[in-house]
């Protein structure tokens, strides 16, 4: 009996040490996230294949976990349903969330992100002011501050602090292929067709850049409901 108690104490001690070690190091926790878990203010990044131009977008941007995000929108609630506010040619509009997600070959092409709690004021401002952007023109030329909006520019303009400062950061845009060190032919054709100058080096933002921001948590959406992981640090 005495030996058995000693063995039990040794076992409990080892378990306690193991538990403390788990808390001391980053580890992965698996959970379930469904599309229905999307909340107003969430951002959805999309690997949308629009052909050569989308591949050119992916070629000059980096995204979370090596995804190729080419589009994004914000989840909002209207008429007792979830919608995605998005900037797509010709105007900024509301799209039913199921229709938005169904654009990709599978829901695995969509990734859900949520602004961290300490930045919730920017989310609240986005949800308060999003109706002001509905019907605004799409920004084909990717120029900031012209009252037209491309997809990630819309997110940039929505998520602002009470003093008007933006949550996300603008960076110089590039349209140059890292492989050839020349502007992608698709971009030359695109801007030429619009009679716009290529805004190389101008301030801008893209879906991948937002997905890499330390201001958001990112989860995967796979099909209707899937296992996802959270990194505990």
Foldseek 3Di string as FASTA:
>chain_A
DVVVVVVVVVVVVVVVVVVVVPQVDKDKDKDKDFPVNDDFLKKKFFQAPPDPVLVLQQQFFAAPPRASTFAMFTWADDPNAIWTFFADPFFTATHGPVVVCVNDPFNQRMKIKHFDPVQVQLSVQLRVCVVVRGGFGADQQQDPPPRHYHGVSSVQQRRAHPVRHTPADWFFGAQAGPVPRHHDPVQVVSCVVVVYDRRGGDTGDGPRRVNPDPRMDMWGHGHRMDMTIDIDD
